[in-house]
PDB file of all heavy atoms in Angstrom:
ATOM      1  N   HIS A   1      40.867  27.869 -18.666  1.00  0.00           N
ATOM      2  CA  HIS A   1      41.963  27.402 -19.523  1.00  0.00           C
ATOM      3  C   HIS A   1      41.490  26.982 -20.912  1.00  0.00           C
ATOM      4  O   HIS A   1      42.250  27.018 -21.872  1.00  0.00           O
ATOM      5  CB  HIS A   1      42.718  26.246 -18.850  1.00  0.00           C
ATOM      6  CG  HIS A   1      41.941  24.952 -18.762  1.00  0.00           C
ATOM      7  ND1 HIS A   1      40.922  24.750 -17.846  1.00  0.00           N
ATOM      8  CD2 HIS A   1      42.034  23.810 -19.488  1.00  0.00           C
ATOM      9  CE1 HIS A   1      40.437  23.532 -18.005  1.00  0.00           C
ATOM     10  NE2 HIS A   1      41.086  22.932 -19.001  1.00  0.00           N
ATOM     11  N   ASP A   2      40.225  26.598 -21.040  1.00  0.00           N
ATOM     12  CA  ASP A   2      39.725  26.100 -22.327  1.00  0.00           C
ATOM     13  C   ASP A   2      38.769  27.068 -23.024  1.00  0.00           C
ATOM     14  O   ASP A   2      38.013  26.646 -23.914  1.00  0.00           O
ATOM     15  CB  ASP A   2      39.006  24.760 -22.125  1.00  0.00           C
ATOM     16  CG  ASP A   2      39.957  23.570 -22.198  1.00  0.00           C
ATOM     17  OD1 ASP A   2      41.066  23.731 -22.763  1.00  0.00           O
ATOM     18  OD2 ASP A   2      39.604  22.492 -21.706  1.00  0.00           O
ATOM     19  N   VAL A   3      38.775  28.364 -22.678  1.00  0.00           N
ATOM     20  CA  VAL A   3      37.796  29.270 -23.288  1.00  0.00           C
ATOM     21  C   VAL A   3      37.989  29.374 -24.800  1.00  0.00           C
ATOM     22  O   VAL A   3      37.045  29.678 -25.536  1.00  0.00           O
ATOM     23  CB  VAL A   3      37.855  30.688 -22.680  1.00  0.00           C
ATOM     24  CG1 VAL A   3      37.357  30.692 -21.257  1.00  0.00           C
ATOM     25  CG2 VAL A   3      39.254  31.283 -22.788  1.00  0.00           C
ATOM     26  N   GLY A   4      39.197  29.116 -25.279  1.00  0.00           N
ATOM     27  CA  GLY A   4      39.447  29.162 -26.720  1.00  0.00           C
ATOM     28  C   GLY A   4      38.699  28.100 -27.501  1.00  0.00           C
ATOM     29  O   GLY A   4      38.628  28.165 -28.734  1.00  0.00           O
ATOM     30  N   ASN A   5      38.110  27.136 -26.804  1.00  0.00           N
ATOM     31  CA  ASN A   5      37.336  26.088 -27.486  1.00  0.00           C
ATOM     32  C   ASN A   5      36.140  26.649 -28.240  1.00  0.00           C
ATOM     33  O   ASN A   5      35.569  25.981 -29.107  1.00  0.00           O
ATOM     34  CB  ASN A   5      36.818  25.059 -26.468  1.00  0.00           C
ATOM     35  CG  ASN A   5      37.883  24.065 -26.074  1.00  0.00           C
ATOM     36  OD1 ASN A   5      38.956  23.996 -26.696  1.00  0.00           O
ATOM     37  ND2 ASN A   5      37.615  23.288 -25.032  1.00  0.00           N
ATOM     38  N   VAL A   6      35.767  27.905 -27.922  1.00  0.00           N
ATOM     39  CA  VAL A   6      34.632  28.510 -28.602  1.00  0.00           C
ATOM     40  C   VAL A   6      34.878  28.590 -30.108  1.00  0.00           C
ATOM     41  O   VAL A   6      33.924  28.616 -30.904  1.00  0.00           O
ATOM     42  CB  VAL A   6      34.343  29.910 -28.010  1.00  0.00           C
ATOM     43  CG1 VAL A   6      35.442  30.909 -28.355  1.00  0.00           C
ATOM     44  CG2 VAL A   6      32.984  30.429 -28.460  1.00  0.00           C
ATOM     45  N   ALA A   7      36.152  28.607 -30.530  1.00  0.00           N
ATOM     46  CA  ALA A   7      36.478  28.714 -31.960  1.00  0.00           C
ATOM     47  C   ALA A   7      36.667  27.356 -32.625  1.00  0.00           C
ATOM     48  O   ALA A   7      36.860  27.295 -33.842  1.00  0.00           O
ATOM     49  CB  ALA A   7      37.753  29.547 -32.132  1.00  0.00           C
ATOM     50  N   VAL A   8      36.609  26.288 -31.841  1.00  0.00           N
ATOM     51  CA  VAL A   8      36.835  24.959 -32.405  1.00  0.00           C
ATOM     52  C   VAL A   8      35.497  24.348 -32.823  1.00  0.00           C
ATOM     53  O   VAL A   8      34.543  24.351 -32.026  1.00  0.00           O
ATOM     54  CB  VAL A   8      37.528  24.042 -31.372  1.00  0.00           C
ATOM     55  CG1 VAL A   8      37.765  22.658 -31.960  1.00  0.00           C
ATOM     56  CG2 VAL A   8      38.850  24.668 -30.923  1.00  0.00           C
ATOM     57  N   PRO A   9      35.369  23.865 -34.044  1.00  0.00           N
ATOM     58  CA  PRO A   9      34.107  23.261 -34.483  1.00  0.00           C
ATOM     59  C   PRO A   9      33.656  22.147 -33.546  1.00  0.00           C
ATOM     60  O   PRO A   9      34.482  21.385 -33.018  1.00  0.00           O
ATOM     61  CB  PRO A   9      34.441  22.706 -35.868  1.00  0.00           C
ATOM     62  CG  PRO A   9      35.597  23.545 -36.336  1.00  0.00           C
ATOM     63  CD  PRO A   9      36.387  23.852 -35.103  1.00  0.00           C
ATOM     64  N   ALA A  10      32.351  22.052 -33.355  1.00  0.00           N
ATOM     65  CA  ALA A  10      31.803  21.067 -32.430  1.00  0.00           C
ATOM     66  C   ALA A  10      32.189  19.651 -32.820  1.00  0.00           C
ATOM     67  O   ALA A  10      32.473  18.812 -31.956  1.00  0.00           O
ATOM     68  CB  ALA A  10      30.280  21.204 -32.374  1.00  0.00           C
ATOM     69  N   GLU A  11      32.231  19.376 -34.150  1.00  0.00           N
ATOM     70  CA  GLU A  11      32.544  17.999 -34.562  1.00  0.00           C
ATOM     71  C   GLU A  11      33.968  17.606 -34.196  1.00  0.00           C
ATOM     72  O   GLU A  11      34.255  16.422 -33.973  1.00  0.00           O
ATOM     73  CB  GLU A  11      32.311  17.821 -36.070  1.00  0.00           C
ATOM     74  CG  GLU A  11      33.116  18.751 -36.979  1.00  0.00           C
ATOM     75  CD  GLU A  11      32.417  20.060 -37.257  1.00  0.00           C
ATOM     76  OE1 GLU A  11      31.489  20.408 -36.493  1.00  0.00           O
ATOM     77  OE2 GLU A  11      32.806  20.730 -38.234  1.00  0.00           O
ATOM     78  N   VAL A  12      34.860  18.583 -34.127  1.00  0.00           N
ATOM     79  CA  VAL A  12      36.230  18.288 -33.714  1.00  0.00           C
ATOM     80  C   VAL A  12      36.283  18.040 -32.213  1.00  0.00           C
ATOM     81  O   VAL A  12      36.941  17.108 -31.735  1.00  0.00           O
ATOM     82  CB  VAL A  12      37.183  19.444 -34.112  1.00  0.00           C
ATOM     83  CG1 VAL A  12      38.589  19.203 -33.559  1.00  0.00           C
ATOM     84  CG2 VAL A  12      37.219  19.598 -35.624  1.00  0.00           C
ATOM     85  N   LEU A  13      35.592  18.877 -31.453  1.00  0.00           N
ATOM     86  CA  LEU A  13      35.588  18.713 -30.004  1.00  0.00           C
ATOM     87  C   LEU A  13      34.981  17.378 -29.583  1.00  0.00           C
ATOM     88  O   LEU A  13      35.444  16.744 -28.628  1.00  0.00           O
ATOM     89  CB  LEU A  13      34.804  19.850 -29.352  1.00  0.00           C
ATOM     90  CG  LEU A  13      35.486  21.222 -29.274  1.00  0.00           C
ATOM     91  CD1 LEU A  13      34.489  22.272 -28.785  1.00  0.00           C
ATOM     92  CD2 LEU A  13      36.681  21.174 -28.326  1.00  0.00           C
ATOM     93  N   ARG A  14      33.945  16.941 -30.327  1.00  0.00           N
ATOM     94  CA  ARG A  14      33.207  15.743 -29.911  1.00  0.00           C
ATOM     95  C   ARG A  14      33.769  14.455 -30.512  1.00  0.00           C
ATOM     96  O   ARG A  14      33.330  13.369 -30.146  1.00  0.00           O
ATOM     97  CB  ARG A  14      31.737  15.879 -30.328  1.00  0.00           C
ATOM     98  CG  ARG A  14      31.017  17.020 -29.625  1.00  0.00           C
ATOM     99  CD  ARG A  14      29.605  17.188 -30.149  1.00  0.00           C
ATOM    100  NE  ARG A  14      28.912  18.311 -29.520  1.00  0.00           N
ATOM    101  CZ  ARG A  14      27.717  18.744 -29.868  1.00  0.00           C
ATOM    102  NH1 ARG A  14      27.066  18.142 -30.860  1.00  0.00           N
ATOM    103  NH2 ARG A  14      27.159  19.755 -29.237  1.00  0.00           N
ATOM    104  N   LYS A  15      34.715  14.572 -31.395  1.00  0.00           N
ATOM    105  CA  LYS A  15      35.249  13.383 -32.075  1.00  0.00           C
ATOM    106  C   LYS A  15      35.931  12.462 -31.075  1.00  0.00           C
ATOM    107  O   LYS A  15      36.790  12.891 -30.298  1.00  0.00           O
ATOM    108  CB  LYS A  15      36.235  13.814 -33.162  1.00  0.00           C
ATOM    109  CG  LYS A  15      36.670  12.671 -34.060  1.00  0.00           C
ATOM    110  CD  LYS A  15      37.530  13.183 -35.217  1.00  0.00           C
ATOM    111  CE  LYS A  15      37.950  12.030 -36.119  1.00  0.00           C
ATOM    112  NZ  LYS A  15      38.798  12.510 -37.236  1.00  0.00           N
ATOM    113  N   GLU A  16      35.543  11.194 -31.086  1.00  0.00           N
ATOM    114  CA  GLU A  16      36.059  10.244 -30.100  1.00  0.00           C
ATOM    115  C   GLU A  16      37.303   9.515 -30.591  1.00  0.00           C
ATOM    116  O   GLU A  16      38.143   9.122 -29.783  1.00  0.00           O
ATOM    117  CB  GLU A  16      34.972   9.241 -29.707  1.00  0.00           C
ATOM    118  CG  GLU A  16      33.783   9.935 -29.038  1.00  0.00           C
ATOM    119  CD  GLU A  16      32.795   8.937 -28.443  1.00  0.00           C
ATOM    120  OE1 GLU A  16      33.158   7.757 -28.329  1.00  0.00           O
ATOM    121  OE2 GLU A  16      31.685   9.339 -28.080  1.00  0.00           O
ATOM    122  N   GLU A  17      37.459   9.340 -31.907  1.00  0.00           N
ATOM    123  CA  GLU A  17      38.665   8.697 -32.420  1.00  0.00           C
ATOM    124  C   GLU A  17      39.770   9.733 -32.589  1.00  0.00           C
ATOM    125  O   GLU A  17      39.554  10.930 -32.381  1.00  0.00           O
ATOM    126  CB  GLU A  17      38.386   7.981 -33.753  1.00  0.00           C
ATOM    127  CG  GLU A  17      37.882   8.871 -34.874  1.00  0.00           C
ATOM    128  CD  GLU A  17      36.365   8.997 -34.889  1.00  0.00           C
ATOM    129  OE1 GLU A  17      35.734   8.690 -33.853  1.00  0.00           O
ATOM    130  OE2 GLU A  17      35.829   9.421 -35.939  1.00  0.00           O
ATOM    131  N   ALA A  18      40.947   9.275 -32.941  1.00  0.00           N
ATOM    132  CA  ALA A  18      42.104  10.175 -33.053  1.00  0.00           C
ATOM    133  C   ALA A  18      41.851  11.256 -34.104  1.00  0.00           C
ATOM    134  O   ALA A  18      41.209  11.011 -35.140  1.00  0.00           O
ATOM    135  CB  ALA A  18      43.338   9.366 -33.428  1.00  0.00           C
ATOM    136  N   LEU A  19      42.333  12.451 -33.840  1.00  0.00           N
ATOM    137  CA  LEU A  19      42.189  13.554 -34.778  1.00  0.00           C
ATOM    138  C   LEU A  19      43.193  13.413 -35.907  1.00  0.00           C
ATOM    139  O   LEU A  19      44.313  12.934 -35.711  1.00  0.00           O
ATOM    140  CB  LEU A  19      42.438  14.894 -34.058  1.00  0.00           C
ATOM    141  CG  LEU A  19      41.533  15.238 -32.865  1.00  0.00           C
ATOM    142  CD1 LEU A  19      41.954  16.570 -32.261  1.00  0.00           C
ATOM    143  CD2 LEU A  19      40.073  15.276 -33.278  1.00  0.00           C
ATOM    144  N   ASN A  20      42.799  13.833 -37.123  1.00  0.00           N
ATOM    145  CA  ASN A  20      43.774  13.878 -38.206  1.00  0.00           C
ATOM    146  C   ASN A  20      44.619  15.145 -38.079  1.00  0.00           C
ATOM    147  O   ASN A  20      44.375  15.982 -37.213  1.00  0.00           O
ATOM    148  CB  ASN A  20      43.077  13.785 -39.577  1.00  0.00           C
ATOM    149  CG  ASN A  20      42.096  14.938 -39.810  1.00  0.00           C
ATOM    150  OD1 ASN A  20      42.376  16.081 -39.458  1.00  0.00           O
ATOM    151  ND2 ASN A  20      40.942  14.629 -40.409  1.00  0.00           N
ATOM    152  N   ASP A  21      45.605  15.272 -38.973  1.00  0.00           N
ATOM    153  CA  ASP A  21      46.543  16.396 -38.857  1.00  0.00           C
ATOM    154  C   ASP A  21      45.826  17.743 -38.941  1.00  0.00           C
ATOM    155  O   ASP A  21      46.140  18.675 -38.181  1.00  0.00           O
ATOM    156  CB  ASP A  21      47.613  16.324 -39.951  1.00  0.00           C
ATOM    157  CG  ASP A  21      48.570  15.168 -39.721  1.00  0.00           C
ATOM    158  OD1 ASP A  21      48.586  14.632 -38.596  1.00  0.00           O
ATOM    159  OD2 ASP A  21      49.305  14.801 -40.669  1.00  0.00           O
ATOM    160  N   ASN A  22      44.876  17.880 -39.843  1.00  0.00           N
ATOM    161  CA  ASN A  22      44.158  19.139 -40.007  1.00  0.00           C
ATOM    162  C   ASN A  22      43.333  19.471 -38.767  1.00  0.00           C
ATOM    163  O   ASN A  22      43.331  20.605 -38.272  1.00  0.00           O
ATOM    164  CB  ASN A  22      43.249  19.068 -41.232  1.00  0.00           C
ATOM    165  CG  ASN A  22      42.546  20.395 -41.505  1.00  0.00           C
ATOM    166  OD1 ASN A  22      43.197  21.433 -41.591  1.00  0.00           O
ATOM    167  ND2 ASN A  22      41.225  20.353 -41.625  1.00  0.00           N
ATOM    168  N   GLU A  23      42.650  18.440 -38.261  1.00  0.00           N
ATOM    169  CA  GLU A  23      41.835  18.647 -37.061  1.00  0.00           C
ATOM    170  C   GLU A  23      42.714  18.989 -35.856  1.00  0.00           C
ATOM    171  O   GLU A  23      42.340  19.801 -35.012  1.00  0.00           O
ATOM    172  CB  GLU A  23      41.012  17.395 -36.778  1.00  0.00           C
ATOM    173  CG  GLU A  23      39.910  17.152 -37.802  1.00  0.00           C
ATOM    174  CD  GLU A  23      39.320  15.760 -37.692  1.00  0.00           C
ATOM    175  OE1 GLU A  23      40.006  14.843 -37.172  1.00  0.00           O
ATOM    176  OE2 GLU A  23      38.181  15.569 -38.147  1.00  0.00           O
ATOM    177  N   ARG A  24      43.892  18.349 -35.809  1.00  0.00           N
ATOM    178  CA  ARG A  24      44.807  18.623 -34.693  1.00  0.00           C
ATOM    179  C   ARG A  24      45.266  20.081 -34.730  1.00  0.00           C
ATOM    180  O   ARG A  24      45.360  20.747 -33.697  1.00  0.00           O
ATOM    181  CB  ARG A  24      45.993  17.684 -34.747  1.00  0.00           C
ATOM    182  CG  ARG A  24      46.874  17.734 -33.495  1.00  0.00           C
ATOM    183  CD  ARG A  24      47.965  16.675 -33.523  1.00  0.00           C
ATOM    184  NE  ARG A  24      47.400  15.335 -33.481  1.00  0.00           N
ATOM    185  CZ  ARG A  24      47.368  14.489 -34.530  1.00  0.00           C
ATOM    186  NH1 ARG A  24      47.872  14.866 -35.696  1.00  0.00           N
ATOM    187  NH2 ARG A  24      46.836  13.300 -34.414  1.00  0.00           N
ATOM    188  N   GLU A  25      45.542  20.597 -35.920  1.00  0.00           N
ATOM    189  CA  GLU A  25      45.960  22.001 -36.049  1.00  0.00           C
ATOM    190  C   GLU A  25      44.839  22.942 -35.607  1.00  0.00           C
ATOM    191  O   GLU A  25      45.079  23.954 -34.935  1.00  0.00           O
ATOM    192  CB  GLU A  25      46.344  22.304 -37.493  1.00  0.00           C
ATOM    193  CG  GLU A  25      47.694  21.731 -37.900  1.00  0.00           C
ATOM    194  CD  GLU A  25      48.063  22.125 -39.314  1.00  0.00           C
ATOM    195  OE1 GLU A  25      47.384  23.018 -39.875  1.00  0.00           O
ATOM    196  OE2 GLU A  25      49.012  21.549 -39.862  1.00  0.00           O
ATOM    197  N   ILE A  26      43.613  22.600 -35.992  1.00  0.00           N
ATOM    198  CA  ILE A  26      42.462  23.415 -35.582  1.00  0.00           C
ATOM    199  C   ILE A  26      42.335  23.403 -34.063  1.00  0.00           C
ATOM    200  O   ILE A  26      42.132  24.443 -33.424  1.00  0.00           O
ATOM    201  CB  ILE A  26      41.170  22.894 -36.245  1.00  0.00           C
ATOM    202  CG1 ILE A  26      41.226  23.115 -37.757  1.00  0.00           C
ATOM    203  CG2 ILE A  26      39.946  23.579 -35.633  1.00  0.00           C
ATOM    204  CD1 ILE A  26      40.080  22.473 -38.494  1.00  0.00           C
ATOM    205  N   MET A  27      42.477  22.220 -33.476  1.00  0.00           N
ATOM    206  CA  MET A  27      42.332  22.075 -32.031  1.00  0.00           C
ATOM    207  C   MET A  27      43.383  22.877 -31.280  1.00  0.00           C
ATOM    208  O   MET A  27      43.117  23.508 -30.251  1.00  0.00           O
ATOM    209  CB  MET A  27      42.425  20.593 -31.652  1.00  0.00           C
ATOM    210  CG  MET A  27      42.110  20.304 -30.201  1.00  0.00           C
ATOM    211  SD  MET A  27      40.356  20.626 -29.859  1.00  0.00           S
ATOM    212  CE  MET A  27      40.354  20.495 -28.076  1.00  0.00           C
ATOM    213  N   GLN A  28      44.590  22.908 -31.805  1.00  0.00           N
ATOM    214  CA  GLN A  28      45.688  23.568 -31.101  1.00  0.00           C
ATOM    215  C   GLN A  28      45.549  25.090 -31.082  1.00  0.00           C
ATOM    216  O   GLN A  28      46.167  25.760 -30.261  1.00  0.00           O
ATOM    217  CB  GLN A  28      47.019  23.162 -31.737  1.00  0.00           C
ATOM    218  CG  GLN A  28      47.373  21.702 -31.483  1.00  0.00           C
ATOM    219  CD  GLN A  28      48.685  21.280 -32.129  1.00  0.00           C
ATOM    220  OE1 GLN A  28      49.349  22.084 -32.772  1.00  0.00           O
ATOM    221  NE2 GLN A  28      49.041  20.010 -31.973  1.00  0.00           N
ATOM    222  N   VAL A  29      44.720  25.606 -31.977  1.00  0.00           N
ATOM    223  CA  VAL A  29      44.508  27.056 -32.013  1.00  0.00           C
ATOM    224  C   VAL A  29      43.839  27.556 -30.735  1.00  0.00           C
ATOM    225  O   VAL A  29      43.997  28.717 -30.347  1.00  0.00           O
ATOM    226  CB  VAL A  29      43.660  27.429 -33.249  1.00  0.00           C
ATOM    227  CG1 VAL A  29      43.184  28.878 -33.165  1.00  0.00           C
ATOM    228  CG2 VAL A  29      44.468  27.221 -34.514  1.00  0.00           C
ATOM    229  N   HIS A  30      43.127  26.670 -30.030  1.00  0.00           N
ATOM    230  CA  HIS A  30      42.324  27.141 -28.894  1.00  0.00           C
ATOM    231  C   HIS A  30      43.175  27.745 -27.783  1.00  0.00           C
ATOM    232  O   HIS A  30      42.743  28.643 -27.063  1.00  0.00           O
ATOM    233  CB  HIS A  30      41.441  26.004 -28.350  1.00  0.00           C
ATOM    234  CG  HIS A  30      42.088  25.131 -27.331  1.00  0.00           C
ATOM    235  ND1 HIS A  30      42.938  24.108 -27.665  1.00  0.00           N
ATOM    236  CD2 HIS A  30      42.019  25.137 -25.969  1.00  0.00           C
ATOM    237  CE1 HIS A  30      43.351  23.500 -26.567  1.00  0.00           C
ATOM    238  NE2 HIS A  30      42.806  24.103 -25.522  1.00  0.00           N
ATOM    239  N   ALA A  31      44.413  27.277 -27.645  1.00  0.00           N
ATOM    240  CA  ALA A  31      45.271  27.820 -26.594  1.00  0.00           C
ATOM    241  C   ALA A  31      45.670  29.269 -26.896  1.00  0.00           C
ATOM    242  O   ALA A  31      45.683  30.130 -26.011  1.00  0.00           O
ATOM    243  CB  ALA A  31      46.515  26.953 -26.430  1.00  0.00           C
ATOM    244  N   ILE A  32      45.974  29.530 -28.168  1.00  0.00           N
ATOM    245  CA  ILE A  32      46.363  30.896 -28.563  1.00  0.00           C
ATOM    246  C   ILE A  32      45.164  31.825 -28.516  1.00  0.00           C
ATOM    247  O   ILE A  32      45.247  32.962 -28.026  1.00  0.00           O
ATOM    248  CB  ILE A  32      46.982  30.874 -29.978  1.00  0.00           C
ATOM    249  CG1 ILE A  32      48.251  30.020 -29.984  1.00  0.00           C
ATOM    250  CG2 ILE A  32      47.281  32.282 -30.462  1.00  0.00           C
ATOM    251  CD1 ILE A  32      48.829  29.782 -31.362  1.00  0.00           C
ATOM    252  N   LEU A  33      44.032  31.343 -29.030  1.00  0.00           N
ATOM    253  CA  LEU A  33      42.826  32.167 -29.011  1.00  0.00           C
ATOM    254  C   LEU A  33      42.397  32.471 -27.582  1.00  0.00           C
ATOM    255  O   LEU A  33      41.999  33.593 -27.263  1.00  0.00           O
ATOM    256  CB  LEU A  33      41.695  31.460 -29.756  1.00  0.00           C
ATOM    257  CG  LEU A  33      40.361  32.213 -29.757  1.00  0.00           C
ATOM    258  CD1 LEU A  33      40.493  33.518 -30.507  1.00  0.00           C
ATOM    259  CD2 LEU A  33      39.248  31.358 -30.349  1.00  0.00           C
ATOM    260  N   GLY A  34      42.481  31.472 -26.716  1.00  0.00           N
ATOM    261  CA  GLY A  34      42.111  31.680 -25.319  1.00  0.00           C
ATOM    262  C   GLY A  34      42.948  32.764 -24.665  1.00  0.00           C
ATOM    263  O   GLY A  34      42.428  33.617 -23.943  1.00  0.00           O
ATOM    264  N   GLU A  35      44.251  32.748 -24.942  1.00  0.00           N
ATOM    265  CA  GLU A  35      45.120  33.789 -24.400  1.00  0.00           C
ATOM    266  C   GLU A  35      44.708  35.160 -24.933  1.00  0.00           C
ATOM    267  O   GLU A  35      44.665  36.155 -24.189  1.00  0.00           O
ATOM    268  CB  GLU A  35      46.572  33.505 -24.764  1.00  0.00           C
ATOM    269  CG  GLU A  35      47.534  34.556 -24.241  1.00  0.00           C
ATOM    270  CD  GLU A  35      48.894  34.503 -24.920  1.00  0.00           C
ATOM    271  OE1 GLU A  35      48.962  34.118 -26.104  1.00  0.00           O
ATOM    272  OE2 GLU A  35      49.878  34.879 -24.264  1.00  0.00           O
ATOM    273  N   SER A  36      44.396  35.230 -26.222  1.00  0.00           N
ATOM    274  CA  SER A  36      43.996  36.494 -26.829  1.00  0.00           C
ATOM    275  C   SER A  36      42.698  37.011 -26.211  1.00  0.00           C
ATOM    276  O   SER A  36      42.551  38.212 -25.951  1.00  0.00           O
ATOM    277  CB  SER A  36      43.824  36.308 -28.339  1.00  0.00           C
ATOM    278  OG  SER A  36      43.358  37.486 -28.947  1.00  0.00           O
ATOM    279  N   MET A  37      41.762  36.109 -25.959  1.00  0.00           N
ATOM    280  CA  MET A  37      40.497  36.501 -25.336  1.00  0.00           C
ATOM    281  C   MET A  37      40.743  37.044 -23.928  1.00  0.00           C
ATOM    282  O   MET A  37      40.160  38.053 -23.524  1.00  0.00           O
ATOM    283  CB  MET A  37      39.541  35.309 -25.289  1.00  0.00           C
ATOM    284  CG  MET A  37      39.050  34.864 -26.659  1.00  0.00           C
ATOM    285  SD  MET A  37      38.120  33.314 -26.586  1.00  0.00           S
ATOM    286  CE  MET A  37      36.672  33.828 -25.661  1.00  0.00           C
ATOM    287  N   ALA A  38      41.622  36.387 -23.187  1.00  0.00           N
ATOM    288  CA  ALA A  38      41.934  36.831 -21.831  1.00  0.00           C
ATOM    289  C   ALA A  38      42.565  38.219 -21.845  1.00  0.00           C
ATOM    290  O   ALA A  38      42.293  39.052 -20.979  1.00  0.00           O
ATOM    291  CB  ALA A  38      42.864  35.832 -21.150  1.00  0.00           C
ATOM    292  N   GLU A  39      43.385  38.473 -22.855  1.00  0.00           N
ATOM    293  CA  GLU A  39      44.016  39.785 -22.964  1.00  0.00           C
ATOM    294  C   GLU A  39      42.982  40.859 -23.287  1.00  0.00           C
ATOM    295  O   GLU A  39      42.989  41.942 -22.694  1.00  0.00           O
ATOM    296  CB  GLU A  39      45.103  39.755 -24.037  1.00  0.00           C
ATOM    297  CG  GLU A  39      45.866  41.049 -24.171  1.00  0.00           C
ATOM    298  CD  GLU A  39      47.010  40.974 -25.163  1.00  0.00           C
ATOM    299  OE1 GLU A  39      47.136  39.940 -25.858  1.00  0.00           O
ATOM    300  OE2 GLU A  39      47.769  41.946 -25.254  1.00  0.00           O
ATOM    301  N   ARG A  40      42.088  40.548 -24.222  1.00  0.00           N
ATOM    302  CA  ARG A  40      41.070  41.524 -24.600  1.00  0.00           C
ATOM    303  C   ARG A  40      40.132  41.848 -23.440  1.00  0.00           C
ATOM    304  O   ARG A  40      39.624  42.957 -23.345  1.00  0.00           O
ATOM    305  CB  ARG A  40      40.253  41.013 -25.795  1.00  0.00           C
ATOM    306  CG  ARG A  40      40.985  41.008 -27.112  1.00  0.00           C
ATOM    307  CD  ARG A  40      40.015  40.996 -28.284  1.00  0.00           C
ATOM    308  NE  ARG A  40      38.976  39.998 -28.157  1.00  0.00           N
ATOM    309  CZ  ARG A  40      39.085  38.729 -28.527  1.00  0.00           C
ATOM    310  NH1 ARG A  40      40.225  38.286 -29.054  1.00  0.00           N
ATOM    311  NH2 ARG A  40      38.081  37.894 -28.381  1.00  0.00           N
ATOM    312  N   LEU A  41      39.927  40.872 -22.571  1.00  0.00           N
ATOM    313  CA  LEU A  41      39.018  41.066 -21.448  1.00  0.00           C
ATOM    314  C   LEU A  41      39.749  41.515 -20.183  1.00  0.00           C
ATOM    315  O   LEU A  41      39.192  41.491 -19.095  1.00  0.00           O
ATOM    316  CB  LEU A  41      38.228  39.783 -21.175  1.00  0.00           C
ATOM    317  CG  LEU A  41      37.225  39.395 -22.265  1.00  0.00           C
ATOM    318  CD1 LEU A  41      36.529  38.103 -21.926  1.00  0.00           C
ATOM    319  CD2 LEU A  41      36.206  40.504 -22.478  1.00  0.00           C
ATOM    320  N   HIS A  42      41.006  41.894 -20.343  1.00  0.00           N
ATOM    321  CA  HIS A  42      41.783  42.498 -19.248  1.00  0.00           C
ATOM    322  C   HIS A  42      41.985  41.570 -18.057  1.00  0.00           C
ATOM    323  O   HIS A  42      42.055  42.044 -16.908  1.00  0.00           O
ATOM    324  CB  HIS A  42      41.132  43.801 -18.781  1.00  0.00           C
ATOM    325  CG  HIS A  42      41.216  44.912 -19.788  1.00  0.00           C
ATOM    326  ND1 HIS A  42      41.815  46.114 -19.524  1.00  0.00           N
ATOM    327  CD2 HIS A  42      40.792  44.998 -21.072  1.00  0.00           C
ATOM    328  CE1 HIS A  42      41.743  46.891 -20.594  1.00  0.00           C
ATOM    329  NE2 HIS A  42      41.133  46.233 -21.548  1.00  0.00           N
ATOM    330  N   PHE A  43      42.070  40.255 -18.312  1.00  0.00           N
ATOM    331  CA  PHE A  43      42.415  39.362 -17.221  1.00  0.00           C
ATOM    332  C   PHE A  43      43.820  39.701 -16.728  1.00  0.00           C
ATOM    333  O   PHE A  43      44.653  40.203 -17.500  1.00  0.00           O
ATOM    334  CB  PHE A  43      42.363  37.898 -17.677  1.00  0.00           C
ATOM    335  CG  PHE A  43      40.994  37.289 -17.601  1.00  0.00           C
ATOM    336  CD1 PHE A  43      40.138  37.331 -18.686  1.00  0.00           C
ATOM    337  CD2 PHE A  43      40.553  36.695 -16.433  1.00  0.00           C
ATOM    338  CE1 PHE A  43      38.867  36.785 -18.630  1.00  0.00           C
ATOM    339  CE2 PHE A  43      39.287  36.139 -16.350  1.00  0.00           C
ATOM    340  CZ  PHE A  43      38.436  36.185 -17.444  1.00  0.00           C
ATOM    341  N   PRO A  44      44.124  39.451 -15.450  1.00  0.00           N
ATOM    342  CA  PRO A  44      45.480  39.710 -14.958  1.00  0.00           C
ATOM    343  C   PRO A  44      46.523  39.046 -15.855  1.00  0.00           C
ATOM    344  O   PRO A  44      46.313  37.922 -16.331  1.00  0.00           O
ATOM    345  CB  PRO A  44      45.473  39.087 -13.555  1.00  0.00           C
ATOM    346  CG  PRO A  44      44.037  39.138 -13.129  1.00  0.00           C
ATOM    347  CD  PRO A  44      43.241  38.927 -14.389  1.00  0.00           C
ATOM    348  N   GLU A  45      47.624  39.733 -16.090  1.00  0.00           N
ATOM    349  CA  GLU A  45      48.649  39.229 -17.000  1.00  0.00           C
ATOM    350  C   GLU A  45      49.136  37.844 -16.613  1.00  0.00           C
ATOM    351  O   GLU A  45      49.492  37.035 -17.476  1.00  0.00           O
ATOM    352  CB  GLU A  45      49.828  40.200 -17.045  1.00  0.00           C
ATOM    353  CG  GLU A  45      49.531  41.500 -17.786  1.00  0.00           C
ATOM    354  CD  GLU A  45      50.761  42.365 -17.939  1.00  0.00           C
ATOM    355  OE1 GLU A  45      51.864  41.880 -17.608  1.00  0.00           O
ATOM    356  OE2 GLU A  45      50.618  43.521 -18.377  1.00  0.00           O
TER     357      GLU A  45
END
């Protein structure tokens, strides 16, 4: 479920305090990227 984290900068992933708006937008990309990766690798629909 979290394979899209590969595109998220390490400092964002490791940040312990609340994310700012920009960081939150970056973090949210991982769900879309993860789906795209699963599609490219022919995971079951």
